[in-house]
Amino acid sequence: KIDISYIDAIHTSEFVLPQFHLVCEHLRRPGLILLDDIDFSPDMNDCWATIAGYSAVSSALSVNNHLGIVELH
């Protein structure tokens, strides 16, 4: 199990969402996932909104609208 993960993938929802779900399978709860470049494109903005809205996410924070941090419970 992992406690924190940093996702800096190809910046499209097509790649980021599957990586996010894969990390979730191995994340110790509560745990943190950091996502880079959430402001890269409209697609990544939507991807961030999707991730931040998941029911497993207990809190979501955008740092300078560039780095996304989510805590999963």
N, C-alpha and C. Protein backbone atom coordinates (compact mmCIF):
# COMPACT_ATOMS: atom_id res chain seq x y z
N LYS A 1 0.84 -1.19 0.00
CA LYS A 1 0.00 0.00 0.00
C LYS A 1 0.88 1.25 0.00
N ILE A 2 0.37 2.30 -0.62
CA ILE A 2 1.08 3.57 -0.66
C ILE A 2 0.27 4.63 0.08
N ASP A 3 0.95 5.65 0.57
CA ASP A 3 0.30 6.72 1.33
C ASP A 3 0.08 7.97 0.50
N ILE A 4 0.98 8.22 -0.46
CA ILE A 4 0.88 9.42 -1.28
C ILE A 4 1.38 9.08 -2.69
N SER A 5 0.72 9.68 -3.67
CA SER A 5 1.10 9.43 -5.06
C SER A 5 1.10 10.75 -5.82
N TYR A 6 1.95 10.83 -6.81
CA TYR A 6 2.06 12.01 -7.66
C TYR A 6 1.82 11.57 -9.09
N ILE A 7 0.78 12.09 -9.72
CA ILE A 7 0.46 11.73 -11.10
C ILE A 7 0.85 12.91 -12.00
N ASP A 8 1.80 12.65 -12.87
CA ASP A 8 2.26 13.65 -13.84
C ASP A 8 2.28 12.95 -15.19
N ALA A 9 1.10 12.57 -15.64
CA ALA A 9 0.94 11.74 -16.83
C ALA A 9 0.81 12.59 -18.08
N ILE A 10 0.58 11.93 -19.18
CA ILE A 10 0.16 12.64 -20.38
C ILE A 10 -1.11 13.37 -19.98
N HIS A 11 -1.17 14.65 -20.22
CA HIS A 11 -2.19 15.50 -19.62
C HIS A 11 -3.50 15.50 -20.40
N THR A 12 -4.13 14.33 -20.41
CA THR A 12 -5.48 14.18 -20.96
C THR A 12 -6.26 13.28 -20.01
N SER A 13 -7.56 13.47 -19.98
CA SER A 13 -8.39 12.63 -19.11
C SER A 13 -8.30 11.17 -19.52
N GLU A 14 -8.06 10.92 -20.78
CA GLU A 14 -7.92 9.54 -21.28
C GLU A 14 -6.81 8.79 -20.55
N PHE A 15 -5.74 9.47 -20.19
CA PHE A 15 -4.63 8.83 -19.49
C PHE A 15 -4.70 9.04 -17.97
N VAL A 16 -5.10 10.23 -17.55
CA VAL A 16 -5.07 10.55 -16.12
C VAL A 16 -6.11 9.77 -15.33
N LEU A 17 -7.33 9.68 -15.84
CA LEU A 17 -8.38 8.98 -15.07
C LEU A 17 -8.04 7.51 -14.82
N PRO A 18 -7.57 6.74 -15.82
CA PRO A 18 -7.18 5.36 -15.51
C PRO A 18 -6.03 5.27 -14.52
N GLN A 19 -5.07 6.19 -14.61
CA GLN A 19 -3.97 6.18 -13.64
C GLN A 19 -4.47 6.52 -12.25
N PHE A 20 -5.39 7.46 -12.16
CA PHE A 20 -5.98 7.82 -10.87
C PHE A 20 -6.67 6.59 -10.26
N HIS A 21 -7.45 5.88 -11.04
CA HIS A 21 -8.16 4.70 -10.53
C HIS A 21 -7.18 3.60 -10.12
N LEU A 22 -6.11 3.44 -10.87
CA LEU A 22 -5.10 2.44 -10.52
C LEU A 22 -4.45 2.79 -9.19
N VAL A 23 -4.09 4.05 -9.00
CA VAL A 23 -3.50 4.48 -7.74
C VAL A 23 -4.48 4.26 -6.59
N CYS A 24 -5.75 4.57 -6.82
CA CYS A 24 -6.76 4.39 -5.77
C CYS A 24 -6.81 2.96 -5.26
N GLU A 25 -6.58 1.99 -6.14
CA GLU A 25 -6.60 0.58 -5.75
C GLU A 25 -5.49 0.25 -4.75
N HIS A 26 -4.41 1.00 -4.78
CA HIS A 26 -3.25 0.69 -3.96
C HIS A 26 -2.98 1.70 -2.85
N LEU A 27 -3.86 2.68 -2.73
CA LEU A 27 -3.67 3.76 -1.76
C LEU A 27 -4.21 3.38 -0.40
N ARG A 28 -3.37 3.52 0.61
CA ARG A 28 -3.81 3.33 2.00
C ARG A 28 -4.73 4.50 2.34
N ARG A 29 -5.79 4.26 3.07
CA ARG A 29 -6.75 5.30 3.42
C ARG A 29 -6.58 5.72 4.87
N PRO A 30 -6.62 6.99 5.17
CA PRO A 30 -6.67 8.09 4.23
C PRO A 30 -5.33 8.24 3.51
N GLY A 31 -5.38 8.71 2.30
CA GLY A 31 -4.17 8.90 1.51
C GLY A 31 -4.30 10.09 0.60
N LEU A 32 -3.18 10.55 0.06
CA LEU A 32 -3.15 11.72 -0.80
C LEU A 32 -2.72 11.37 -2.22
N ILE A 33 -3.35 12.03 -3.18
CA ILE A 33 -2.94 11.93 -4.57
C ILE A 33 -2.75 13.35 -5.08
N LEU A 34 -1.59 13.62 -5.65
CA LEU A 34 -1.28 14.91 -6.24
C LEU A 34 -1.33 14.76 -7.75
N LEU A 35 -1.93 15.72 -8.41
CA LEU A 35 -2.04 15.70 -9.87
C LEU A 35 -1.44 16.98 -10.43
N ASP A 36 -0.49 16.85 -11.33
CA ASP A 36 0.18 18.01 -11.90
C ASP A 36 -0.57 18.51 -13.12
N ASP A 37 -0.45 19.81 -13.36
CA ASP A 37 -0.97 20.45 -14.58
C ASP A 37 -2.47 20.30 -14.78
N ILE A 38 -3.23 20.49 -13.70
CA ILE A 38 -4.69 20.40 -13.85
C ILE A 38 -5.24 21.55 -14.68
N ASP A 39 -4.40 22.55 -14.96
CA ASP A 39 -4.79 23.69 -15.79
C ASP A 39 -4.28 23.58 -17.23
N PHE A 40 -3.78 22.43 -17.61
CA PHE A 40 -3.13 22.23 -18.91
C PHE A 40 -4.05 22.51 -20.09
N SER A 41 -5.32 22.14 -19.96
CA SER A 41 -6.27 22.27 -21.07
C SER A 41 -7.68 22.21 -20.50
N PRO A 42 -8.69 22.57 -21.30
CA PRO A 42 -10.07 22.40 -20.84
C PRO A 42 -10.38 20.95 -20.46
N ASP A 43 -9.81 20.00 -21.19
CA ASP A 43 -10.00 18.58 -20.86
C ASP A 43 -9.46 18.27 -19.47
N MET A 44 -8.29 18.80 -19.14
CA MET A 44 -7.72 18.55 -17.81
C MET A 44 -8.51 19.27 -16.73
N ASN A 45 -9.04 20.44 -17.03
CA ASN A 45 -9.91 21.11 -16.06
C ASN A 45 -11.13 20.25 -15.75
N ASP A 46 -11.72 19.66 -16.78
CA ASP A 46 -12.87 18.76 -16.59
C ASP A 46 -12.46 17.51 -15.84
N CYS A 47 -11.28 16.98 -16.17
CA CYS A 47 -10.77 15.79 -15.48
C CYS A 47 -10.60 16.07 -13.99
N TRP A 48 -10.04 17.23 -13.67
CA TRP A 48 -9.86 17.62 -12.27
C TRP A 48 -11.21 17.72 -11.56
N ALA A 49 -12.18 18.34 -12.22
CA ALA A 49 -13.51 18.48 -11.62
C ALA A 49 -14.13 17.11 -11.37
N THR A 50 -13.94 16.18 -12.30
CA THR A 50 -14.45 14.83 -12.14
C THR A 50 -13.82 14.15 -10.93
N ILE A 51 -12.50 14.21 -10.85
CA ILE A 51 -11.78 13.58 -9.74
C ILE A 51 -12.18 14.21 -8.41
N ALA A 52 -12.21 15.52 -8.35
CA ALA A 52 -12.55 16.21 -7.11
C ALA A 52 -13.97 15.89 -6.64
N GLY A 53 -14.83 15.50 -7.58
CA GLY A 53 -16.22 15.21 -7.23
C GLY A 53 -16.50 13.77 -6.86
N TYR A 54 -15.51 12.88 -6.95
CA TYR A 54 -15.75 11.48 -6.59
C TYR A 54 -16.14 11.35 -5.13
N SER A 55 -17.02 10.41 -4.83
CA SER A 55 -17.49 10.22 -3.46
C SER A 55 -16.38 9.75 -2.52
N ALA A 56 -15.36 9.09 -3.03
CA ALA A 56 -14.24 8.63 -2.20
C ALA A 56 -13.31 9.77 -1.81
N VAL A 57 -13.45 10.93 -2.45
CA VAL A 57 -12.60 12.08 -2.15
C VAL A 57 -13.20 12.84 -0.98
N SER A 58 -12.45 12.92 0.12
CA SER A 58 -12.95 13.64 1.29
C SER A 58 -12.60 15.12 1.22
N SER A 59 -11.53 15.48 0.52
CA SER A 59 -11.22 16.89 0.30
C SER A 59 -10.37 17.03 -0.96
N ALA A 60 -10.54 18.17 -1.62
CA ALA A 60 -9.80 18.47 -2.85
C ALA A 60 -9.33 19.91 -2.78
N LEU A 61 -8.08 20.12 -3.16
CA LEU A 61 -7.48 21.44 -3.10
C LEU A 61 -6.73 21.70 -4.40
N SER A 62 -6.93 22.88 -4.95
CA SER A 62 -6.18 23.32 -6.12
C SER A 62 -5.18 24.36 -5.67
N VAL A 63 -3.90 24.14 -5.96
CA VAL A 63 -2.84 25.07 -5.60
C VAL A 63 -2.49 25.88 -6.85
N ASN A 64 -2.76 27.17 -6.80
CA ASN A 64 -2.50 28.06 -7.94
C ASN A 64 -3.18 27.57 -9.22
N ASN A 65 -4.27 26.85 -9.08
CA ASN A 65 -5.00 26.27 -10.20
C ASN A 65 -4.08 25.48 -11.13
N HIS A 66 -3.02 24.91 -10.55
CA HIS A 66 -2.03 24.16 -11.34
C HIS A 66 -1.82 22.75 -10.79
N LEU A 67 -1.76 22.64 -9.47
CA LEU A 67 -1.54 21.36 -8.81
C LEU A 67 -2.81 20.99 -8.06
N GLY A 68 -3.31 19.80 -8.31
CA GLY A 68 -4.48 19.32 -7.59
C GLY A 68 -4.08 18.32 -6.53
N ILE A 69 -4.67 18.44 -5.36
CA ILE A 69 -4.40 17.51 -4.25
C ILE A 69 -5.74 16.99 -3.77
N VAL A 70 -5.87 15.67 -3.72
CA VAL A 70 -7.08 15.06 -3.17
C VAL A 70 -6.71 14.11 -2.04
N GLU A 71 -7.58 14.09 -1.05
CA GLU A 71 -7.46 13.13 0.05
C GLU A 71 -8.60 12.14 -0.10
N LEU A 72 -8.26 10.88 -0.09
CA LEU A 72 -9.29 9.83 -0.17
C LEU A 72 -9.52 9.25 1.21
N HIS A 73 -10.80 8.98 1.52
CA HIS A 73 -11.13 8.37 2.81
C HIS A 73 -11.47 6.92 2.62
